[in-house]
Amino acid sequence: MSLQDVLQKLTDENSPILLCDGEHDWEAQSLLETLSGPVLKREVYMQPGLYIAEINTGGYLGQVLYKVKQKN
C-alpha cells in the first residue's frame, strides 16, 4: 500500500489522529497536500495506533516515517 493510499484512507475515515515525524504533528490531509509525488508513492505499512513505516526493497519494514498520536 502506498503512503498516499494510507493517508487518503485516514482522511476519508476522518480518523482522530495526528502523525508525528519527530519535529511536527500533521493531519493526514495536510500531508496529502504537501508531500511530493515520489514520497506519496512509497510503499508503507501502517500498524494502527502505533506507526507508519516504509517497506524497503527487500520487503522488510524500514524506517518509521510517522508515529501515530491521538488528537486531544
Protein backbone atom coordinates (compact mmCIF):
# COMPACT_ATOMS: atom_id res chain seq x y z
CA MET A 1 0.00 0.00 0.00
CA SER A 2 1.37 3.43 -0.85
CA LEU A 3 1.71 6.29 1.60
CA GLN A 4 -0.88 8.15 -0.45
CA ASP A 5 -3.37 5.28 -0.03
CA VAL A 6 -2.86 5.20 3.74
CA LEU A 7 -3.19 8.97 4.09
CA GLN A 8 -6.29 9.02 1.87
CA LYS A 9 -7.89 6.26 3.94
CA LEU A 10 -7.20 8.16 7.17
CA THR A 11 -8.65 11.31 5.64
CA ASP A 12 -11.75 9.53 4.32
CA GLU A 13 -12.38 7.94 7.73
CA ASN A 14 -11.82 11.29 9.45
CA SER A 15 -9.52 9.49 11.88
CA PRO A 16 -8.94 11.42 15.13
CA ILE A 17 -5.14 11.07 14.94
CA LEU A 18 -2.05 13.11 14.26
CA LEU A 19 1.06 11.81 12.53
CA CYS A 20 4.33 12.86 14.15
CA ASP A 21 7.54 12.93 12.11
CA GLY A 22 9.74 13.76 15.10
CA GLU A 23 9.51 17.51 14.58
CA HIS A 24 5.88 18.28 13.77
CA ASP A 25 2.42 16.80 14.21
CA TRP A 26 0.47 16.52 10.97
CA GLU A 27 -3.06 15.72 9.96
CA ALA A 28 -3.29 13.19 7.13
CA GLN A 29 -4.95 15.71 4.81
CA SER A 30 -2.11 18.21 5.30
CA LEU A 31 0.45 15.57 4.32
CA LEU A 32 -1.56 14.67 1.21
CA GLU A 33 -1.50 18.32 0.17
CA THR A 34 2.19 18.99 0.87
CA LEU A 35 4.21 15.84 0.15
CA SER A 36 5.71 15.30 -3.32
CA GLY A 37 4.50 12.63 -5.71
CA PRO A 38 7.55 10.36 -5.28
CA VAL A 39 7.20 10.46 -1.48
CA LEU A 40 3.49 9.66 -1.67
CA LYS A 41 4.25 6.63 -3.89
CA ARG A 42 6.49 4.99 -1.25
CA GLU A 43 5.29 1.57 -0.17
CA VAL A 44 4.43 1.63 3.54
CA TYR A 45 2.90 -0.43 6.31
CA MET A 46 0.63 1.07 8.94
CA GLN A 47 0.46 -0.52 12.36
CA PRO A 48 -2.82 1.02 13.58
CA GLY A 49 -2.38 3.15 16.66
CA LEU A 50 1.42 2.97 16.52
CA TYR A 51 3.24 4.00 13.34
CA ILE A 52 3.57 4.19 9.57
CA ALA A 53 6.83 2.63 8.35
CA GLU A 54 8.27 2.36 4.87
CA ILE A 55 8.79 -1.04 3.29
CA ASN A 56 12.30 -1.42 1.88
CA THR A 57 13.22 -3.04 -1.43
CA GLY A 58 13.71 -6.40 0.30
CA GLY A 59 10.10 -6.33 1.51
CA TYR A 60 11.01 -5.69 5.14
CA LEU A 61 9.95 -2.82 7.36
CA GLY A 62 12.31 0.11 7.08
CA GLN A 63 12.38 3.37 8.98
CA VAL A 64 9.34 4.66 10.81
CA LEU A 65 8.06 7.69 8.91
CA TYR A 66 5.32 8.78 11.31
CA LYS A 67 4.27 7.85 14.82
CA VAL A 68 0.54 7.89 15.46
CA LYS A 69 -0.79 10.14 18.21
CA GLN A 70 -4.38 10.59 19.32
CA LYS A 71 -5.81 14.08 18.99
CA ASN A 72 -6.63 15.73 22.27
